[in-house]
PDB file of N, CA and C in Angstrom:
ATOM      1  N   MET A   1     -16.102  -4.889   6.898  1.00  0.00           N
ATOM      2  CA  MET A   1     -14.839  -4.981   6.212  1.00  0.00           C
ATOM      3  C   MET A   1     -13.739  -5.171   7.261  1.00  0.00           C
ATOM      4  N   ASN A   2     -12.907  -6.145   7.035  1.00  0.00           N
ATOM      5  CA  ASN A   2     -11.790  -6.434   7.919  1.00  0.00           C
ATOM      6  C   ASN A   2     -10.501  -5.998   7.238  1.00  0.00           C
ATOM      7  N   TYR A   3      -9.711  -5.189   7.921  1.00  0.00           N
ATOM      8  CA  TYR A   3      -8.481  -4.682   7.304  1.00  0.00           C
ATOM      9  C   TYR A   3      -7.530  -5.802   6.903  1.00  0.00           C
ATOM     10  N   LEU A   4      -7.593  -6.941   7.570  1.00  0.00           N
ATOM     11  CA  LEU A   4      -6.702  -8.046   7.232  1.00  0.00           C
ATOM     12  C   LEU A   4      -7.019  -8.661   5.867  1.00  0.00           C
ATOM     13  N   ASP A   5      -8.181  -8.323   5.316  1.00  0.00           N
ATOM     14  CA  ASP A   5      -8.501  -8.759   3.960  1.00  0.00           C
ATOM     15  C   ASP A   5      -7.658  -8.005   2.936  1.00  0.00           C
ATOM     16  N   TYR A   6      -7.115  -6.857   3.326  1.00  0.00           N
ATOM     17  CA  TYR A   6      -6.395  -5.980   2.401  1.00  0.00           C
ATOM     18  C   TYR A   6      -4.955  -5.691   2.802  1.00  0.00           C
ATOM     19  N   ILE A   7      -4.617  -5.908   4.064  1.00  0.00           N
ATOM     20  CA  ILE A   7      -3.307  -5.564   4.605  1.00  0.00           C
ATOM     21  C   ILE A   7      -2.608  -6.829   5.097  1.00  0.00           C
ATOM     22  N   SER A   8      -1.317  -6.934   4.794  1.00  0.00           N
ATOM     23  CA  SER A   8      -0.533  -8.055   5.323  1.00  0.00           C
ATOM     24  C   SER A   8       0.691  -7.508   6.043  1.00  0.00           C
ATOM     25  N   ILE A   9       1.134  -8.268   7.027  1.00  0.00           N
ATOM     26  CA  ILE A   9       2.342  -7.915   7.768  1.00  0.00           C
ATOM     27  C   ILE A   9       3.232  -9.151   7.784  1.00  0.00           C
ATOM     28  N   ASP A  10       4.403  -9.006   7.177  1.00  0.00           N
ATOM     29  CA  ASP A  10       5.353 -10.108   7.083  1.00  0.00           C
ATOM     30  C   ASP A  10       6.732  -9.548   7.401  1.00  0.00           C
ATOM     31  N   PRO A  11       7.405 -10.091   8.413  1.00  0.00           N
ATOM     32  CA  PRO A  11       8.712  -9.550   8.785  1.00  0.00           C
ATOM     33  C   PRO A  11       9.752  -9.646   7.667  1.00  0.00           C
ATOM     34  N   ASN A  12       9.496 -10.462   6.665  1.00  0.00           N
ATOM     35  CA  ASN A  12      10.431 -10.613   5.556  1.00  0.00           C
ATOM     36  C   ASN A  12      10.146  -9.674   4.384  1.00  0.00           C
ATOM     37  N   ILE A  13       9.081  -8.895   4.475  1.00  0.00           N
ATOM     38  CA  ILE A  13       8.717  -7.952   3.408  1.00  0.00           C
ATOM     39  C   ILE A  13       8.687  -6.550   3.992  1.00  0.00           C
ATOM     40  N   ARG A  14       9.490  -5.662   3.423  1.00  0.00           N
ATOM     41  CA  ARG A  14       9.540  -4.250   3.827  1.00  0.00           C
ATOM     42  C   ARG A  14       9.741  -4.082   5.331  1.00  0.00           C
ATOM     43  N   PHE A  15      10.597  -4.948   5.899  1.00  0.00           N
ATOM     44  CA  PHE A  15      10.958  -4.873   7.320  1.00  0.00           C
ATOM     45  C   PHE A  15       9.758  -4.991   8.252  1.00  0.00           C
ATOM     46  N   GLY A  16       8.718  -5.707   7.793  1.00  0.00           N
ATOM     47  CA  GLY A  16       7.548  -5.923   8.623  1.00  0.00           C
ATOM     48  C   GLY A  16       6.525  -4.813   8.599  1.00  0.00           C
ATOM     49  N   ARG A  17       6.739  -3.827   7.733  1.00  0.00           N
ATOM     50  CA  ARG A  17       5.743  -2.752   7.624  1.00  0.00           C
ATOM     51  C   ARG A  17       4.448  -3.310   7.045  1.00  0.00           C
ATOM     52  N   PRO A  18       3.312  -2.807   7.484  1.00  0.00           N
ATOM     53  CA  PRO A  18       2.047  -3.229   6.884  1.00  0.00           C
ATOM     54  C   PRO A  18       2.029  -2.863   5.395  1.00  0.00           C
ATOM     55  N   CYS A  19       1.669  -3.837   4.559  1.00  0.00           N
ATOM     56  CA  CYS A  19       1.646  -3.654   3.107  1.00  0.00           C
ATOM     57  C   CYS A  19       0.277  -4.034   2.552  1.00  0.00           C
ATOM     58  N   ILE A  20      -0.003  -3.496   1.369  1.00  0.00           N
ATOM     59  CA  ILE A  20      -1.202  -3.892   0.655  1.00  0.00           C
ATOM     60  C   ILE A  20      -1.014  -5.352   0.257  1.00  0.00           C
ATOM     61  N   LYS A  21      -1.954  -6.182   0.611  1.00  0.00           N
ATOM     62  CA  LYS A  21      -1.839  -7.621   0.389  1.00  0.00           C
ATOM     63  C   LYS A  21      -1.525  -7.936  -1.068  1.00  0.00           C
ATOM     64  N   GLY A  22      -0.546  -8.817  -1.272  1.00  0.00           N
ATOM     65  CA  GLY A  22      -0.159  -9.235  -2.611  1.00  0.00           C
ATOM     66  C   GLY A  22       0.815  -8.295  -3.301  1.00  0.00           C
ATOM     67  N   THR A  23       1.238  -7.233  -2.596  1.00  0.00           N
ATOM     68  CA  THR A  23       2.199  -6.283  -3.162  1.00  0.00           C
ATOM     69  C   THR A  23       3.309  -6.037  -2.138  1.00  0.00           C
ATOM     70  N   ARG A  24       4.278  -5.256  -2.553  1.00  0.00           N
ATOM     71  CA  ARG A  24       5.311  -4.790  -1.634  1.00  0.00           C
ATOM     72  C   ARG A  24       5.130  -3.300  -1.354  1.00  0.00           C
ATOM     73  N   ILE A  25       3.927  -2.809  -1.590  1.00  0.00           N
ATOM     74  CA  ILE A  25       3.610  -1.399  -1.373  1.00  0.00           C
ATOM     75  C   ILE A  25       3.116  -1.230   0.061  1.00  0.00           C
ATOM     76  N   SER A  26       3.852  -0.417   0.827  1.00  0.00           N
ATOM     77  CA  SER A  26       3.468  -0.255   2.227  1.00  0.00           C
ATOM     78  C   SER A  26       2.306   0.723   2.364  1.00  0.00           C
ATOM     79  N   VAL A  27       1.551   0.517   3.415  1.00  0.00           N
ATOM     80  CA  VAL A  27       0.435   1.413   3.723  1.00  0.00           C
ATOM     81  C   VAL A  27       0.962   2.825   3.938  1.00  0.00           C
ATOM     82  N   SER A  28       2.106   2.948   4.595  1.00  0.00           N
ATOM     83  CA  SER A  28       2.654   4.285   4.838  1.00  0.00           C
ATOM     84  C   SER A  28       3.056   4.964   3.532  1.00  0.00           C
ATOM     85  N   ASP A  29       3.570   4.208   2.559  1.00  0.00           N
ATOM     86  CA  ASP A  29       3.874   4.801   1.246  1.00  0.00           C
ATOM     87  C   ASP A  29       2.597   5.322   0.601  1.00  0.00           C
ATOM     88  N   LEU A  30       1.573   4.508   0.594  1.00  0.00           N
ATOM     89  CA  LEU A  30       0.301   4.889  -0.019  1.00  0.00           C
ATOM     90  C   LEU A  30      -0.270   6.144   0.635  1.00  0.00           C
ATOM     91  N   LEU A  31      -0.266   6.178   1.949  1.00  0.00           N
ATOM     92  CA  LEU A  31      -0.786   7.351   2.661  1.00  0.00           C
ATOM     93  C   LEU A  31       0.078   8.582   2.402  1.00  0.00           C
ATOM     94  N   GLY A  32       1.384   8.378   2.293  1.00  0.00           N
ATOM     95  CA  GLY A  32       2.285   9.488   1.992  1.00  0.00           C
ATOM     96  C   GLY A  32       2.018  10.090   0.625  1.00  0.00           C
ATOM     97  N   TRP A  33       1.784   9.230  -0.366  1.00  0.00           N
ATOM     98  CA  TRP A  33       1.475   9.730  -1.709  1.00  0.00           C
ATOM     99  C   TRP A  33       0.180  10.529  -1.693  1.00  0.00           C
ATOM    100  N   MET A  34      -0.798  10.022  -0.969  1.00  0.00           N
ATOM    101  CA  MET A  34      -2.080  10.729  -0.894  1.00  0.00           C
ATOM    102  C   MET A  34      -1.912  12.062  -0.163  1.00  0.00           C
ATOM    103  N   ALA A  35      -1.121  12.077   0.895  1.00  0.00           N
ATOM    104  CA  ALA A  35      -0.889  13.305   1.653  1.00  0.00           C
ATOM    105  C   ALA A  35      -0.134  14.341   0.819  1.00  0.00           C
ATOM    106  N   SER A  36       0.691  13.868  -0.116  1.00  0.00           N
ATOM    107  CA  SER A  36       1.454  14.802  -0.952  1.00  0.00           C
ATOM    108  C   SER A  36       0.645  15.334  -2.129  1.00  0.00           C
ATOM    109  N   GLY A  37      -0.596  14.850  -2.258  1.00  0.00           N
ATOM    110  CA  GLY A  37      -1.471  15.398  -3.270  1.00  0.00           C
ATOM    111  C   GLY A  37      -1.809  14.471  -4.428  1.00  0.00           C
ATOM    112  N   MET A  38      -1.232  13.277  -4.461  1.00  0.00           N
ATOM    113  CA  MET A  38      -1.589  12.349  -5.541  1.00  0.00           C
ATOM    114  C   MET A  38      -3.022  11.872  -5.337  1.00  0.00           C
ATOM    115  N   ASN A  39      -3.767  11.769  -6.435  1.00  0.00           N
ATOM    116  CA  ASN A  39      -5.107  11.212  -6.315  1.00  0.00           C
ATOM    117  C   ASN A  39      -5.068   9.726  -6.688  1.00  0.00           C
ATOM    118  N   MET A  40      -6.172   9.043  -6.485  1.00  0.00           N
ATOM    119  CA  MET A  40      -6.189   7.594  -6.706  1.00  0.00           C
ATOM    120  C   MET A  40      -5.904   7.236  -8.162  1.00  0.00           C
ATOM    121  N   GLU A  41      -6.357   8.054  -9.099  1.00  0.00           N
ATOM    122  CA  GLU A  41      -6.094   7.772 -10.513  1.00  0.00           C
ATOM    123  C   GLU A  41      -4.594   7.792 -10.800  1.00  0.00           C
ATOM    124  N   GLU A  42      -3.889   8.759 -10.225  1.00  0.00           N
ATOM    125  CA  GLU A  42      -2.439   8.856 -10.422  1.00  0.00           C
ATOM    126  C   GLU A  42      -1.714   7.683  -9.770  1.00  0.00           C
ATOM    127  N   ILE A  43      -2.139   7.326  -8.581  1.00  0.00           N
ATOM    128  CA  ILE A  43      -1.517   6.209  -7.874  1.00  0.00           C
ATOM    129  C   ILE A  43      -1.735   4.913  -8.646  1.00  0.00           C
ATOM    130  N   LEU A  44      -2.960   4.698  -9.113  1.00  0.00           N
ATOM    131  CA  LEU A  44      -3.258   3.480  -9.868  1.00  0.00           C
ATOM    132  C   LEU A  44      -2.538   3.444 -11.208  1.00  0.00           C
ATOM    133  N   ALA A  45      -2.304   4.608 -11.813  1.00  0.00           N
ATOM    134  CA  ALA A  45      -1.544   4.649 -13.063  1.00  0.00           C
ATOM    135  C   ALA A  45      -0.095   4.224 -12.820  1.00  0.00           C
ATOM    136  N   ASP A  46       0.467   4.639 -11.674  1.00  0.00           N
ATOM    137  CA  ASP A  46       1.844   4.283 -11.334  1.00  0.00           C
ATOM    138  C   ASP A  46       1.972   2.865 -10.793  1.00  0.00           C
ATOM    139  N   PHE A  47       0.924   2.384 -10.144  1.00  0.00           N
ATOM    140  CA  PHE A  47       0.951   1.071  -9.496  1.00  0.00           C
ATOM    141  C   PHE A  47      -0.315   0.294  -9.859  1.00  0.00           C
ATOM    142  N   PRO A  48      -0.402  -0.184 -11.093  1.00  0.00           N
ATOM    143  CA  PRO A  48      -1.626  -0.864 -11.539  1.00  0.00           C
ATOM    144  C   PRO A  48      -1.936  -2.151 -10.769  1.00  0.00           C
ATOM    145  N   GLU A  49      -0.958  -2.701 -10.067  1.00  0.00           N
ATOM    146  CA  GLU A  49      -1.214  -3.916  -9.290  1.00  0.00           C
ATOM    147  C   GLU A  49      -2.160  -3.678  -8.117  1.00  0.00           C
ATOM    148  N   LEU A  50      -2.386  -2.403  -7.795  1.00  0.00           N
ATOM    149  CA  LEU A  50      -3.341  -2.090  -6.740  1.00  0.00           C
ATOM    150  C   LEU A  50      -4.753  -2.277  -7.263  1.00  0.00           C
TER     151      LEU A  50
END
């Protein structure tokens, strides 16, 4: 598995932060939600584009 299949970096999107490909959701946001206790079902309910 290559992370570039799932992660994109574009200086014009979210100030160049790594994002989930095809979305404007940053990897750091996703990790932050998980660290705060959200599980994948909750995250997917809030962000079905994932």
